[in-house]
C-alpha atoms as a PDB file:
ATOM      1  CA  MET A   1      44.054 -17.234  17.293  1.00  0.00           C
ATOM      2  CA  ASP A   2      40.909 -19.404  17.590  1.00  0.00           C
ATOM      3  CA  ASP A   3      37.603 -17.839  16.487  1.00  0.00           C
ATOM      4  CA  SER A   4      35.415 -20.440  18.227  1.00  0.00           C
ATOM      5  CA  PRO A   5      33.245 -19.255  21.069  1.00  0.00           C
ATOM      6  CA  ARG A   6      35.022 -19.089  24.397  1.00  0.00           C
ATOM      7  CA  THR A   7      33.855 -21.699  26.949  1.00  0.00           C
ATOM      8  CA  PRO A   8      33.991 -20.632  30.543  1.00  0.00           C
ATOM      9  CA  THR A   9      36.920 -22.099  32.327  1.00  0.00           C
ATOM     10  CA  SER A  10      35.833 -21.621  35.857  1.00  0.00           C
ATOM     11  CA  TYR A  11      32.793 -21.280  38.075  1.00  0.00           C
ATOM     12  CA  GLU A  12      33.614 -17.559  38.388  1.00  0.00           C
ATOM     13  CA  ASP A  13      33.378 -17.160  34.589  1.00  0.00           C
ATOM     14  CA  VAL A  14      30.065 -18.939  34.498  1.00  0.00           C
ATOM     15  CA  ALA A  15      28.752 -16.871  37.389  1.00  0.00           C
ATOM     16  CA  TYR A  16      29.868 -13.662  35.687  1.00  0.00           C
ATOM     17  CA  ASN A  17      28.226 -14.623  32.420  1.00  0.00           C
ATOM     18  CA  ASN A  18      24.954 -15.554  34.130  1.00  0.00           C
ATOM     19  CA  ALA A  19      24.956 -12.234  36.055  1.00  0.00           C
ATOM     20  CA  SER A  20      25.640 -10.330  32.914  1.00  0.00           C
ATOM     21  CA  ALA A  21      22.812 -12.068  31.032  1.00  0.00           C
ATOM     22  CA  THR A  22      20.445 -11.520  34.026  1.00  0.00           C
ATOM     23  CA  ASP A  23      21.372  -7.772  34.134  1.00  0.00           C
ATOM     24  CA  SER A  24      20.716  -7.497  30.380  1.00  0.00           C
ATOM     25  CA  ALA A  25      17.417  -9.268  30.652  1.00  0.00           C
ATOM     26  CA  SER A  26      16.289  -6.992  33.495  1.00  0.00           C
ATOM     27  CA  GLN A  27      17.267  -3.947  31.532  1.00  0.00           C
ATOM     28  CA  VAL A  28      15.199  -5.241  28.537  1.00  0.00           C
ATOM     29  CA  ASN A  29      12.288  -5.954  30.812  1.00  0.00           C
ATOM     30  CA  LEU A  30      12.524  -2.481  32.362  1.00  0.00           C
ATOM     31  CA  ALA A  31      12.572  -0.878  28.891  1.00  0.00           C
ATOM     32  CA  LEU A  32       9.578  -2.889  27.775  1.00  0.00           C
ATOM     33  CA  THR A  33       7.660  -1.881  30.935  1.00  0.00           C
ATOM     34  CA  ARG A  34       8.459   1.747  30.205  1.00  0.00           C
ATOM     35  CA  ILE A  35       7.299   1.384  26.613  1.00  0.00           C
ATOM     36  CA  ARG A  36       4.042  -0.313  27.701  1.00  0.00           C
ATOM     37  CA  THR A  37       3.447   2.577  30.186  1.00  0.00           C
ATOM     38  CA  VAL A  38       3.900   5.132  27.480  1.00  0.00           C
ATOM     39  CA  ILE A  39       1.614   3.208  25.093  1.00  0.00           C
ATOM     40  CA  ASN A  40      -1.000   2.993  27.811  1.00  0.00           C
ATOM     41  CA  ARG A  41      -0.813   6.703  28.456  1.00  0.00           C
ATOM     42  CA  LEU A  42      -0.995   7.459  24.759  1.00  0.00           C
ATOM     43  CA  GLU A  43      -4.006   5.213  24.377  1.00  0.00           C
ATOM     44  CA  GLY A  44      -5.688   7.085  27.218  1.00  0.00           C
ATOM     45  CA  ARG A  45      -4.961  10.350  25.639  1.00  0.00           C
ATOM     46  CA  LEU A  46      -6.286   9.128  22.332  1.00  0.00           C
ATOM     47  CA  GLU A  47      -9.562   8.174  23.974  1.00  0.00           C
ATOM     48  CA  GLN A  48      -9.760  11.728  25.412  1.00  0.00           C
ATOM     49  CA  ILE A  49      -9.034  13.299  22.035  1.00  0.00           C
ATOM     50  CA  THR A  50     -11.494  11.044  20.310  1.00  0.00           C
ATOM     51  CA  ASP A  51     -14.141  12.264  22.810  1.00  0.00           C
ATOM     52  CA  GLN A  52     -13.128  15.898  22.117  1.00  0.00           C
ATOM     53  CA  VAL A  53     -13.568  15.253  18.402  1.00  0.00           C
ATOM     54  CA  ALA A  54     -17.043  13.891  19.013  1.00  0.00           C
ATOM     55  CA  ASP A  55     -17.959  16.925  21.208  1.00  0.00           C
ATOM     56  CA  ALA A  56     -16.640  19.414  18.681  1.00  0.00           C
ATOM     57  CA  GLU A  57     -18.623  17.665  15.923  1.00  0.00           C
ATOM     58  CA  ARG A  58     -21.813  17.750  18.023  1.00  0.00           C
ATOM     59  CA  ARG A  59     -21.315  21.495  18.692  1.00  0.00           C
ATOM     60  CA  TYR A  60     -20.763  22.101  14.988  1.00  0.00           C
ATOM     61  CA  THR A  61     -23.870  20.135  14.082  1.00  0.00           C
ATOM     62  CA  HIS A  62     -25.931  21.995  16.692  1.00  0.00           C
ATOM     63  CA  LEU A  63     -24.715  25.311  15.307  1.00  0.00           C
ATOM     64  CA  GLU A  64     -25.435  24.265  11.768  1.00  0.00           C
ATOM     65  CA  ASP A  65     -28.981  23.407  12.843  1.00  0.00           C
ATOM     66  CA  ARG A  66     -29.344  26.816  14.559  1.00  0.00           C
ATOM     67  CA  TYR A  67     -28.083  28.559  11.387  1.00  0.00           C
ATOM     68  CA  GLY A  68     -30.625  26.653   9.266  1.00  0.00           C
ATOM     69  CA  ASP A  69     -33.419  27.480  11.702  1.00  0.00           C
ATOM     70  CA  ALA A  70     -32.470  31.142  11.702  1.00  0.00           C
ATOM     71  CA  GLU A  71     -32.418  31.333   7.943  1.00  0.00           C
ATOM     72  CA  ALA A  72     -35.749  29.640   7.711  1.00  0.00           C
ATOM     73  CA  ALA A  73     -37.249  31.907  10.298  1.00  0.00           C
ATOM     74  CA  PHE A  74     -35.981  35.043   8.391  1.00  0.00           C
ATOM     75  CA  LEU A  75     -37.578  33.867   5.130  1.00  0.00           C
ATOM     76  CA  TYR A  76     -40.951  34.288   6.780  1.00  0.00           C
ATOM     77  CA  HIS A  77     -40.327  37.303   8.948  1.00  0.00           C
ATOM     78  CA  ASP A  78     -38.918  40.808   8.503  1.00  0.00           C
ATOM     79  CA  ALA A  79     -36.150  40.862  11.006  1.00  0.00           C
ATOM     80  CA  PRO A  80     -32.500  41.961  11.012  1.00  0.00           C
ATOM     81  CA  LYS A  81     -31.452  38.748   9.241  1.00  0.00           C
ATOM     82  CA  SER A  82     -27.898  39.817   8.444  1.00  0.00           C
ATOM     83  CA  ARG A  83     -26.823  40.534  11.997  1.00  0.00           C
ATOM     84  CA  ILE A  84     -28.202  37.330  13.580  1.00  0.00           C
ATOM     85  CA  CYS A  85     -27.084  35.163  10.690  1.00  0.00           C
ATOM     86  CA  HIS A  86     -23.645  36.755  10.857  1.00  0.00           C
ATOM     87  CA  ASP A  87     -23.300  35.926  14.564  1.00  0.00           C
ATOM     88  CA  ILE A  88     -24.353  32.322  14.049  1.00  0.00           C
ATOM     89  CA  SER A  89     -22.048  32.120  11.017  1.00  0.00           C
ATOM     90  CA  GLU A  90     -19.165  33.257  13.097  1.00  0.00           C
ATOM     91  CA  ASP A  91     -20.013  30.585  15.720  1.00  0.00           C
ATOM     92  CA  LEU A  92     -20.076  28.001  12.914  1.00  0.00           C
ATOM     93  CA  LYS A  93     -16.575  29.029  11.772  1.00  0.00           C
ATOM     94  CA  LYS A  94     -15.290  28.727  15.238  1.00  0.00           C
ATOM     95  CA  ALA A  95     -16.913  25.348  15.772  1.00  0.00           C
ATOM     96  CA  MET A  96     -15.524  24.058  12.415  1.00  0.00           C
ATOM     97  CA  PHE A  97     -12.117  25.242  13.466  1.00  0.00           C
ATOM     98  CA  GLU A  98     -12.486  23.364  16.764  1.00  0.00           C
ATOM     99  CA  VAL A  99     -13.431  20.182  14.771  1.00  0.00           C
ATOM    100  CA  THR A 100     -10.396  20.621  12.439  1.00  0.00           C
ATOM    101  CA  VAL A 101      -7.979  21.004  15.459  1.00  0.00           C
ATOM    102  CA  ALA A 102      -9.554  18.091  17.338  1.00  0.00           C
ATOM    103  CA  ARG A 103      -9.278  15.851  14.282  1.00  0.00           C
ATOM    104  CA  ALA A 104      -5.617  16.868  13.797  1.00  0.00           C
ATOM    105  CA  LEU A 105      -4.929  16.084  17.371  1.00  0.00           C
ATOM    106  CA  ALA A 106      -6.646  12.736  17.047  1.00  0.00           C
ATOM    107  CA  GLY A 107      -4.542  11.890  13.909  1.00  0.00           C
ATOM    108  CA  VAL A 108      -1.319  12.765  15.776  1.00  0.00           C
ATOM    109  CA  ALA A 109      -2.390  10.762  18.823  1.00  0.00           C
ATOM    110  CA  LYS A 110      -3.229   7.754  16.605  1.00  0.00           C
ATOM    111  CA  LYS A 111       0.147   7.893  14.900  1.00  0.00           C
ATOM    112  CA  MET A 112       1.891   8.091  18.223  1.00  0.00           C
ATOM    113  CA  VAL A 113      -0.028   5.104  19.574  1.00  0.00           C
ATOM    114  CA  SER A 114       0.381   2.941  16.473  1.00  0.00           C
ATOM    115  CA  GLY A 115       3.840   4.080  15.327  1.00  0.00           C
ATOM    116  CA  PRO A 116       4.995   3.956  11.712  1.00  0.00           C
ATOM    117  CA  ALA A 117       4.829   0.207  11.455  1.00  0.00           C
ATOM    118  CA  GLY A 118       1.486  -0.054  13.198  1.00  0.00           C
ATOM    119  CA  ASP A 119       3.041  -2.078  15.940  1.00  0.00           C
ATOM    120  CA  GLY A 120       2.360   0.414  18.697  1.00  0.00           C
ATOM    121  CA  LEU A 121       6.074   1.225  19.127  1.00  0.00           C
ATOM    122  CA  GLY A 122       7.650   4.391  18.026  1.00  0.00           C
ATOM    123  CA  CYS A 123       7.098   7.519  16.035  1.00  0.00           C
ATOM    124  CA  GLU A 124       7.775   8.000  12.392  1.00  0.00           C
ATOM    125  CA  ARG A 125      10.793  10.106  12.915  1.00  0.00           C
ATOM    126  CA  CYS A 126      12.911   8.604  15.732  1.00  0.00           C
ATOM    127  CA  GLY A 127      11.455   5.148  16.243  1.00  0.00           C
ATOM    128  CA  SER A 128      11.447   5.679  19.952  1.00  0.00           C
ATOM    129  CA  ALA A 129       8.421   5.066  22.058  1.00  0.00           C
ATOM    130  CA  CYS A 130       7.568   8.759  21.760  1.00  0.00           C
ATOM    131  CA  SER A 131       7.563   9.647  25.378  1.00  0.00           C
ATOM    132  CA  GLY A 132       9.185  12.491  23.749  1.00  0.00           C
ATOM    133  CA  CYS A 133      11.662  12.835  20.972  1.00  0.00           C
ATOM    134  CA  SER A 134      12.353  16.304  19.839  1.00  0.00           C
ATOM    135  CA  TYR A 135      10.190  15.871  16.719  1.00  0.00           C
ATOM    136  CA  SER A 136       7.179  14.528  18.649  1.00  0.00           C
ATOM    137  CA  ARG A 137       7.040  17.529  20.858  1.00  0.00           C
ATOM    138  CA  ARG A 138       8.479  20.571  19.150  1.00  0.00           C
ATOM    139  CA  ASP A 139       7.933  19.908  15.413  1.00  0.00           C
ATOM    140  CA  ARG A 140       4.519  18.300  15.746  1.00  0.00           C
ATOM    141  CA  ALA A 141       3.379  21.252  17.774  1.00  0.00           C
ATOM    142  CA  MET A 142       4.712  23.574  15.031  1.00  0.00           C
ATOM    143  CA  ASP A 143       2.964  21.443  12.354  1.00  0.00           C
ATOM    144  CA  ILE A 144      -0.352  21.680  14.181  1.00  0.00           C
ATOM    145  CA  ARG A 145       0.057  25.391  14.665  1.00  0.00           C
ATOM    146  CA  ALA A 146       0.743  25.818  10.942  1.00  0.00           C
ATOM    147  CA  ARG A 147      -2.329  23.810  10.025  1.00  0.00           C
ATOM    148  CA  ASP A 148      -4.391  25.770  12.531  1.00  0.00           C
ATOM    149  CA  SER A 149      -3.289  29.108  11.239  1.00  0.00           C
ATOM    150  CA  SER A 150      -3.993  28.128   7.616  1.00  0.00           C
ATOM    151  CA  ALA A 151      -7.388  26.766   8.613  1.00  0.00           C
ATOM    152  CA  SER A 152      -8.245  29.967  10.571  1.00  0.00           C
ATOM    153  CA  SER A 153      -7.169  32.203   7.683  1.00  0.00           C
ATOM    154  CA  ARG A 154      -9.269  30.146   5.308  1.00  0.00           C
ATOM    155  CA  TYR A 155     -12.290  30.532   7.467  1.00  0.00           C
ATOM    156  CA  SER A 156     -11.782  34.193   8.156  1.00  0.00           C
ATOM    157  CA  SER A 157     -11.598  34.932   4.428  1.00  0.00           C
ATOM    158  CA  GLU A 158     -14.983  33.290   3.792  1.00  0.00           C
END
């Protein structure tokens, strides 16, 4: 038996091979288009999340300023310091939690956009374009919830 590549023997064979190659090329182009669409969506979502991080950090900074102003005011006045400072402190804890969550979401989105190799393709677990492998949807959500609950318990104990 000859191991050399088979040369087409008729025009029908050539036409079949060309049609097969064209079909494969169109499937690859379709897959690349889908991957680009997913990447574009992820990049858009990353921009939204980055804006959310900035908003959360601005709210936190504003609350920090309020807390500092309240403490300074109470140093010079006899007022129910503990109650007002406690309320502002609770707001600070909530804002810090929002910042933590927003940063975690931004990190996940950045990983999904860049992929493990930094090439913009695929997640670290499945290598797909992450339009949704089971890890990217279910396990990442569980990872974020676990981080959120540990962060909230840390802030509630302070």
